[in-house]
Structure formats: C-alpha cells, structure tokens
C-alpha cells in the first residue's frame, strides 16, 4: 500500500492547537505519495501564510488511518 499523506490548512482558534474555526473553508493542498513531497507542499503552503498566526497547515498520514495496525 502507498504511504499517502494529506496536506491541508486553515484558520485555527489557538495557534498551538488544531481547532479549525471554519472547516468548510479548509485549504486542501493535496494528497502526496510520500512524506518528502508532502513536507515540501506543507512548507510552501505554510510559508505563504507565515505572517498570519491563526493560519496552520498540517500533514496527515493517511496510510496510518487506512491501516492503523502498520
């Protein structure tokens, strides 16, 4: 199975948390086949919003959700 990774972000209520204030307005950057390419996409997206402390981007390891025993 591919080790898929999802990169998305949005406005959070607390910059130290993951409580997205408007889930309907999340910016889905994309799904990537490996962590290296997902991290590059995450860095690029986060850099675009570096001056906005309430914007947060994350990398989700989809392969861990699809097969949690791995």
PDB file of N, CA and C in Angstrom:
ATOM      1  N   UNK A   1       0.836  -1.186   0.000  1.00  0.00           N
ATOM      2  CA  UNK A   1       0.000   0.000   0.000  1.00  0.00           C
ATOM      3  C   UNK A   1       0.879   1.248   0.000  1.00  0.00           C
ATOM      4  N   UNK A   2       0.464   2.246  -0.739  1.00  0.00           N
ATOM      5  CA  UNK A   2       1.176   3.520  -0.765  1.00  0.00           C
ATOM      6  C   UNK A   2       1.072   4.204   0.580  1.00  0.00           C
ATOM      7  N   UNK A   3       2.079   4.954   0.920  1.00  0.00           N
ATOM      8  CA  UNK A   3       2.071   5.725   2.171  1.00  0.00           C
ATOM      9  C   UNK A   3       1.582   7.132   1.857  1.00  0.00           C
ATOM     10  N   UNK A   4       0.266   7.262   1.682  1.00  0.00           N
ATOM     11  CA  UNK A   4      -0.338   8.527   1.290  1.00  0.00           C
ATOM     12  C   UNK A   4      -0.335   9.532   2.436  1.00  0.00           C
ATOM     13  N   UNK A   5      -0.163  10.811   2.064  1.00  0.00           N
ATOM     14  CA  UNK A   5      -0.166  11.904   3.034  1.00  0.00           C
ATOM     15  C   UNK A   5      -1.041  13.035   2.506  1.00  0.00           C
ATOM     16  N   UNK A   6      -1.875  13.588   3.369  1.00  0.00           N
ATOM     17  CA  UNK A   6      -2.758  14.703   3.049  1.00  0.00           C
ATOM     18  C   UNK A   6      -2.196  15.970   3.664  1.00  0.00           C
ATOM     19  N   UNK A   7      -2.159  17.049   2.897  1.00  0.00           N
ATOM     20  CA  UNK A   7      -1.725  18.353   3.401  1.00  0.00           C
ATOM     21  C   UNK A   7      -2.908  19.303   3.293  1.00  0.00           C
ATOM     22  N   UNK A   8      -3.274  19.901   4.417  1.00  0.00           N
ATOM     23  CA  UNK A   8      -4.353  20.885   4.418  1.00  0.00           C
ATOM     24  C   UNK A   8      -4.113  21.898   5.519  1.00  0.00           C
ATOM     25  N   UNK A   9      -4.867  22.982   5.468  1.00  0.00           N
ATOM     26  CA  UNK A   9      -4.716  24.005   6.494  1.00  0.00           C
ATOM     27  C   UNK A   9      -5.914  24.915   6.539  1.00  0.00           C
ATOM     28  N   UNK A  10      -5.889  25.777   7.528  1.00  0.00           N
ATOM     29  CA  UNK A  10      -6.968  26.736   7.696  1.00  0.00           C
ATOM     30  C   UNK A  10      -6.749  27.567   8.944  1.00  0.00           C
ATOM     31  N   UNK A  11      -7.727  28.388   9.217  1.00  0.00           N
ATOM     32  CA  UNK A  11      -7.660  29.277  10.374  1.00  0.00           C
ATOM     33  C   UNK A  11      -7.993  28.491  11.643  1.00  0.00           C
ATOM     34  N   UNK A  12      -7.174  28.661  12.681  1.00  0.00           N
ATOM     35  CA  UNK A  12      -7.384  27.978  13.959  1.00  0.00           C
ATOM     36  C   UNK A  12      -7.713  28.991  15.047  1.00  0.00           C
ATOM     37  N   UNK A  13      -8.426  28.544  16.079  1.00  0.00           N
ATOM     38  CA  UNK A  13      -8.777  29.439  17.182  1.00  0.00           C
ATOM     39  C   UNK A  13      -7.596  29.694  18.105  1.00  0.00           C
ATOM     40  N   UNK A  14      -6.693  28.725  18.188  1.00  0.00           N
ATOM     41  CA  UNK A  14      -5.496  28.844  19.021  1.00  0.00           C
ATOM     42  C   UNK A  14      -4.315  28.324  18.204  1.00  0.00           C
ATOM     43  N   UNK A  15      -3.284  29.154  17.980  1.00  0.00           N
ATOM     44  CA  UNK A  15      -2.156  28.723  17.154  1.00  0.00           C
ATOM     45  C   UNK A  15      -1.429  27.481  17.668  1.00  0.00           C
ATOM     46  N   UNK A  16      -1.618  27.136  18.925  1.00  0.00           N
ATOM     47  CA  UNK A  16      -0.966  25.941  19.470  1.00  0.00           C
ATOM     48  C   UNK A  16      -1.846  24.698  19.368  1.00  0.00           C
ATOM     49  N   UNK A  17      -3.056  24.857  18.854  1.00  0.00           N
ATOM     50  CA  UNK A  17      -3.979  23.733  18.758  1.00  0.00           C
ATOM     51  C   UNK A  17      -4.376  23.427  17.323  1.00  0.00           C
ATOM     52  N   UNK A  18      -5.335  22.528  17.201  1.00  0.00           N
ATOM     53  CA  UNK A  18      -5.825  22.112  15.883  1.00  0.00           C
ATOM     54  C   UNK A  18      -7.326  22.297  15.737  1.00  0.00           C
ATOM     55  N   UNK A  19      -7.881  23.262  16.465  1.00  0.00           N
ATOM     56  CA  UNK A  19      -9.315  23.547  16.383  1.00  0.00           C
ATOM     57  C   UNK A  19      -9.555  24.530  15.239  1.00  0.00           C
ATOM     58  N   UNK A  20      -9.887  23.998  14.063  1.00  0.00           N
ATOM     59  CA  UNK A  20     -10.106  24.843  12.894  1.00  0.00           C
ATOM     60  C   UNK A  20     -11.451  25.551  13.034  1.00  0.00           C
ATOM     61  N   UNK A  21     -11.443  26.870  12.864  1.00  0.00           N
ATOM     62  CA  UNK A  21     -12.639  27.667  13.119  1.00  0.00           C
ATOM     63  C   UNK A  21     -13.706  27.515  12.045  1.00  0.00           C
ATOM     64  N   UNK A  22     -13.313  27.241  10.805  1.00  0.00           N
ATOM     65  CA  UNK A  22     -14.281  27.092   9.719  1.00  0.00           C
ATOM     66  C   UNK A  22     -13.887  25.903   8.843  1.00  0.00           C
ATOM     67  N   UNK A  23     -14.259  24.692   9.250  1.00  0.00           N
ATOM     68  CA  UNK A  23     -13.872  23.506   8.482  1.00  0.00           C
ATOM     69  C   UNK A  23     -14.314  23.547   7.019  1.00  0.00           C
ATOM     70  N   UNK A  24     -15.374  24.276   6.728  1.00  0.00           N
ATOM     71  CA  UNK A  24     -15.838  24.388   5.348  1.00  0.00           C
ATOM     72  C   UNK A  24     -14.911  25.201   4.458  1.00  0.00           C
ATOM     73  N   UNK A  25     -14.032  25.978   5.076  1.00  0.00           N
ATOM     74  CA  UNK A  25     -13.117  26.826   4.314  1.00  0.00           C
ATOM     75  C   UNK A  25     -11.679  26.317   4.346  1.00  0.00           C
ATOM     76  N   UNK A  26     -11.487  25.043   4.701  1.00  0.00           N
ATOM     77  CA  UNK A  26     -10.132  24.490   4.743  1.00  0.00           C
ATOM     78  C   UNK A  26      -9.490  24.521   3.358  1.00  0.00           C
ATOM     79  N   UNK A  27      -8.201  24.794   3.337  1.00  0.00           N
ATOM     80  CA  UNK A  27      -7.426  24.790   2.108  1.00  0.00           C
ATOM     81  C   UNK A  27      -6.779  23.412   1.972  1.00  0.00           C
ATOM     82  N   UNK A  28      -7.345  22.574   1.094  1.00  0.00           N
ATOM     83  CA  UNK A  28      -6.783  21.248   0.855  1.00  0.00           C
ATOM     84  C   UNK A  28      -5.699  21.409  -0.205  1.00  0.00           C
ATOM     85  N   UNK A  29      -4.458  21.268   0.220  1.00  0.00           N
ATOM     86  CA  UNK A  29      -3.318  21.453  -0.676  1.00  0.00           C
ATOM     87  C   UNK A  29      -3.189  20.254  -1.599  1.00  0.00           C
ATOM     88  N   UNK A  30      -3.335  19.043  -1.049  1.00  0.00           N
ATOM     89  CA  UNK A  30      -3.272  17.865  -1.898  1.00  0.00           C
ATOM     90  C   UNK A  30      -2.937  16.592  -1.144  1.00  0.00           C
ATOM     91  N   UNK A  31      -2.928  15.493  -1.885  1.00  0.00           N
ATOM     92  CA  UNK A  31      -2.556  14.182  -1.363  1.00  0.00           C
ATOM     93  C   UNK A  31      -1.271  13.780  -2.080  1.00  0.00           C
ATOM     94  N   UNK A  32      -0.299  13.297  -1.294  1.00  0.00           N
ATOM     95  CA  UNK A  32       1.040  13.023  -1.813  1.00  0.00           C
ATOM     96  C   UNK A  32       1.437  11.581  -1.530  1.00  0.00           C
ATOM     97  N   UNK A  33       2.262  10.996  -2.395  1.00  0.00           N
ATOM     98  CA  UNK A  33       2.607   9.580  -2.277  1.00  0.00           C
ATOM     99  C   UNK A  33       3.679   9.270  -1.241  1.00  0.00           C
ATOM    100  N   UNK A  34       4.339  10.293  -0.721  1.00  0.00           N
ATOM    101  CA  UNK A  34       5.377  10.066   0.282  1.00  0.00           C
ATOM    102  C   UNK A  34       5.516  11.297   1.161  1.00  0.00           C
ATOM    103  N   UNK A  35       6.159  11.099   2.314  1.00  0.00           N
ATOM    104  CA  UNK A  35       6.277  12.189   3.281  1.00  0.00           C
ATOM    105  C   UNK A  35       7.133  13.332   2.743  1.00  0.00           C
ATOM    106  N   UNK A  36       8.158  13.016   2.010  1.00  0.00           N
ATOM    107  CA  UNK A  36       9.059  14.059   1.499  1.00  0.00           C
ATOM    108  C   UNK A  36       8.308  15.071   0.630  1.00  0.00           C
ATOM    109  N   UNK A  37       7.487  14.602  -0.294  1.00  0.00           N
ATOM    110  CA  UNK A  37       6.745  15.528  -1.144  1.00  0.00           C
ATOM    111  C   UNK A  37       5.639  16.230  -0.370  1.00  0.00           C
ATOM    112  N   UNK A  38       5.035  15.551   0.598  1.00  0.00           N
ATOM    113  CA  UNK A  38       4.019  16.190   1.442  1.00  0.00           C
ATOM    114  C   UNK A  38       4.646  17.301   2.288  1.00  0.00           C
ATOM    115  N   UNK A  39       5.831  17.046   2.819  1.00  0.00           N
ATOM    116  CA  UNK A  39       6.509  18.059   3.626  1.00  0.00           C
ATOM    117  C   UNK A  39       6.868  19.283   2.785  1.00  0.00           C
ATOM    118  N   UNK A  40       7.299  19.075   1.560  1.00  0.00           N
ATOM    119  CA  UNK A  40       7.618  20.192   0.669  1.00  0.00           C
ATOM    120  C   UNK A  40       6.371  21.031   0.394  1.00  0.00           C
ATOM    121  N   UNK A  41       5.239  20.375   0.161  1.00  0.00           N
ATOM    122  CA  UNK A  41       3.983  21.092  -0.074  1.00  0.00           C
ATOM    123  C   UNK A  41       3.541  21.828   1.185  1.00  0.00           C
ATOM    124  N   UNK A  42       3.697  21.186   2.351  1.00  0.00           N
ATOM    125  CA  UNK A  42       3.353  21.814   3.626  1.00  0.00           C
ATOM    126  C   UNK A  42       4.196  23.069   3.852  1.00  0.00           C
ATOM    127  N   UNK A  43       5.496  22.958   3.637  1.00  0.00           N
ATOM    128  CA  UNK A  43       6.392  24.111   3.818  1.00  0.00           C
ATOM    129  C   UNK A  43       6.002  25.266   2.905  1.00  0.00           C
ATOM    130  N   UNK A  44       5.692  24.972   1.663  1.00  0.00           N
ATOM    131  CA  UNK A  44       5.310  26.017   0.714  1.00  0.00           C
ATOM    132  C   UNK A  44       4.012  26.692   1.139  1.00  0.00           C
ATOM    133  N   UNK A  45       3.024  25.907   1.554  1.00  0.00           N
ATOM    134  CA  UNK A  45       1.740  26.470   1.983  1.00  0.00           C
ATOM    135  C   UNK A  45       1.906  27.288   3.264  1.00  0.00           C
ATOM    136  N   UNK A  46       2.653  26.764   4.219  1.00  0.00           N
ATOM    137  CA  UNK A  46       2.863  27.475   5.479  1.00  0.00           C
ATOM    138  C   UNK A  46       3.640  28.768   5.253  1.00  0.00           C
ATOM    139  N   UNK A  47       4.584  28.750   4.339  1.00  0.00           N
ATOM    140  CA  UNK A  47       5.381  29.951   4.065  1.00  0.00           C
ATOM    141  C   UNK A  47       4.523  31.066   3.481  1.00  0.00           C
ATOM    142  N   UNK A  48       3.512  30.703   2.684  1.00  0.00           N
ATOM    143  CA  UNK A  48       2.627  31.720   2.096  1.00  0.00           C
ATOM    144  C   UNK A  48       1.851  32.481   3.160  1.00  0.00           C
ATOM    145  N   UNK A  49       1.614  31.843   4.317  1.00  0.00           N
ATOM    146  CA  UNK A  49       0.801  32.471   5.368  1.00  0.00           C
ATOM    147  C   UNK A  49       1.610  32.716   6.640  1.00  0.00           C
ATOM    148  N   UNK A  50       2.912  32.854   6.511  1.00  0.00           N
ATOM    149  CA  UNK A  50       3.801  32.953   7.672  1.00  0.00           C
ATOM    150  C   UNK A  50       3.469  34.170   8.547  1.00  0.00           C
ATOM    151  N   UNK A  51       2.921  35.220   7.987  1.00  0.00           N
ATOM    152  CA  UNK A  51       2.614  36.425   8.760  1.00  0.00           C
ATOM    153  C   UNK A  51       1.259  36.363   9.462  1.00  0.00           C
ATOM    154  N   UNK A  52       0.499  35.302   9.273  1.00  0.00           N
ATOM    155  CA  UNK A  52      -0.822  35.156   9.883  1.00  0.00           C
ATOM    156  C   UNK A  52      -0.764  34.032  10.916  1.00  0.00           C
ATOM    157  N   UNK A  53      -0.685  34.404  12.188  1.00  0.00           N
ATOM    158  CA  UNK A  53      -0.517  33.421  13.269  1.00  0.00           C
ATOM    159  C   UNK A  53      -1.717  32.495  13.430  1.00  0.00           C
ATOM    160  N   UNK A  54      -2.864  32.850  12.874  1.00  0.00           N
ATOM    161  CA  UNK A  54      -4.040  31.997  13.040  1.00  0.00           C
ATOM    162  C   UNK A  54      -4.215  30.994  11.897  1.00  0.00           C
ATOM    163  N   UNK A  55      -3.295  31.000  10.937  1.00  0.00           N
ATOM    164  CA  UNK A  55      -3.335  30.021   9.844  1.00  0.00           C
ATOM    165  C   UNK A  55      -2.363  28.894  10.157  1.00  0.00           C
ATOM    166  N   UNK A  56      -2.832  27.666   9.988  1.00  0.00           N
ATOM    167  CA  UNK A  56      -1.994  26.500  10.284  1.00  0.00           C
ATOM    168  C   UNK A  56      -2.194  25.448   9.214  1.00  0.00           C
ATOM    169  N   UNK A  57      -1.087  24.871   8.775  1.00  0.00           N
ATOM    170  CA  UNK A  57      -1.110  23.765   7.818  1.00  0.00           C
ATOM    171  C   UNK A  57      -0.559  22.524   8.499  1.00  0.00           C
ATOM    172  N   UNK A  58      -1.095  21.368   8.128  1.00  0.00           N
ATOM    173  CA  UNK A  58      -0.685  20.103   8.741  1.00  0.00           C
ATOM    174  C   UNK A  58      -0.515  19.028   7.675  1.00  0.00           C
ATOM    175  N   UNK A  59       0.268  18.009   8.044  1.00  0.00           N
ATOM    176  CA  UNK A  59       0.428  16.812   7.221  1.00  0.00           C
ATOM    177  C   UNK A  59      -0.234  15.667   7.972  1.00  0.00           C
ATOM    178  N   UNK A  60      -1.161  14.985   7.326  1.00  0.00           N
ATOM    179  CA  UNK A  60      -1.862  13.847   7.917  1.00  0.00           C
ATOM    180  C   UNK A  60      -1.381  12.579   7.225  1.00  0.00           C
ATOM    181  N   UNK A  61      -0.980  11.608   8.004  1.00  0.00           N
ATOM    182  CA  UNK A  61      -0.512  10.325   7.474  1.00  0.00           C
ATOM    183  C   UNK A  61      -1.739   9.451   7.179  1.00  0.00           C
ATOM    184  N   UNK A  62      -2.260   9.559   5.973  1.00  0.00           N
ATOM    185  CA  UNK A  62      -3.471   8.814   5.612  1.00  0.00           C
ATOM    186  C   UNK A  62      -3.266   7.312   5.706  1.00  0.00           C
ATOM    187  N   UNK A  63      -2.087   6.842   5.383  1.00  0.00           N
ATOM    188  CA  UNK A  63      -1.832   5.399   5.427  1.00  0.00           C
ATOM    189  C   UNK A  63      -1.998   4.860   6.844  1.00  0.00           C
ATOM    190  N   UNK A  64      -1.751   5.669   7.859  1.00  0.00           N
ATOM    191  CA  UNK A  64      -1.943   5.225   9.244  1.00  0.00           C
ATOM    192  C   UNK A  64      -3.414   5.142   9.611  1.00  0.00           C
ATOM    193  N   UNK A  65      -4.235   5.965   8.966  1.00  0.00           N
ATOM    194  CA  UNK A  65      -5.677   5.913   9.213  1.00  0.00           C
ATOM    195  C   UNK A  65      -6.314   4.738   8.474  1.00  0.00           C
ATOM    196  N   UNK A  66      -5.787   4.439   7.295  1.00  0.00           N
ATOM    197  CA  UNK A  66      -6.347   3.373   6.471  1.00  0.00           C
ATOM    198  C   UNK A  66      -5.955   1.982   6.972  1.00  0.00           C
ATOM    199  N   UNK A  67      -4.744   1.871   7.536  1.00  0.00           N
ATOM    200  CA  UNK A  67      -4.280   0.603   8.097  1.00  0.00           C
ATOM    201  C   UNK A  67      -3.578   0.893   9.425  1.00  0.00           C
ATOM    202  N   UNK A  68      -4.340   1.110  10.487  1.00  0.00           N
ATOM    203  CA  UNK A  68      -3.753   1.511  11.770  1.00  0.00           C
ATOM    204  C   UNK A  68      -2.824   0.499  12.401  1.00  0.00           C
ATOM    205  N   UNK A  69      -2.896  -0.766  12.021  1.00  0.00           N
ATOM    206  CA  UNK A  69      -2.031  -1.784  12.636  1.00  0.00           C
ATOM    207  C   UNK A  69      -0.591  -1.714  12.108  1.00  0.00           C
ATOM    208  N   UNK A  70      -0.342  -0.986  11.007  1.00  0.00           N
ATOM    209  CA  UNK A  70       1.024  -0.863  10.450  1.00  0.00           C
ATOM    210  C   UNK A  70       1.858   0.103  11.268  1.00  0.00           C
TER     211      UNK A  70
END
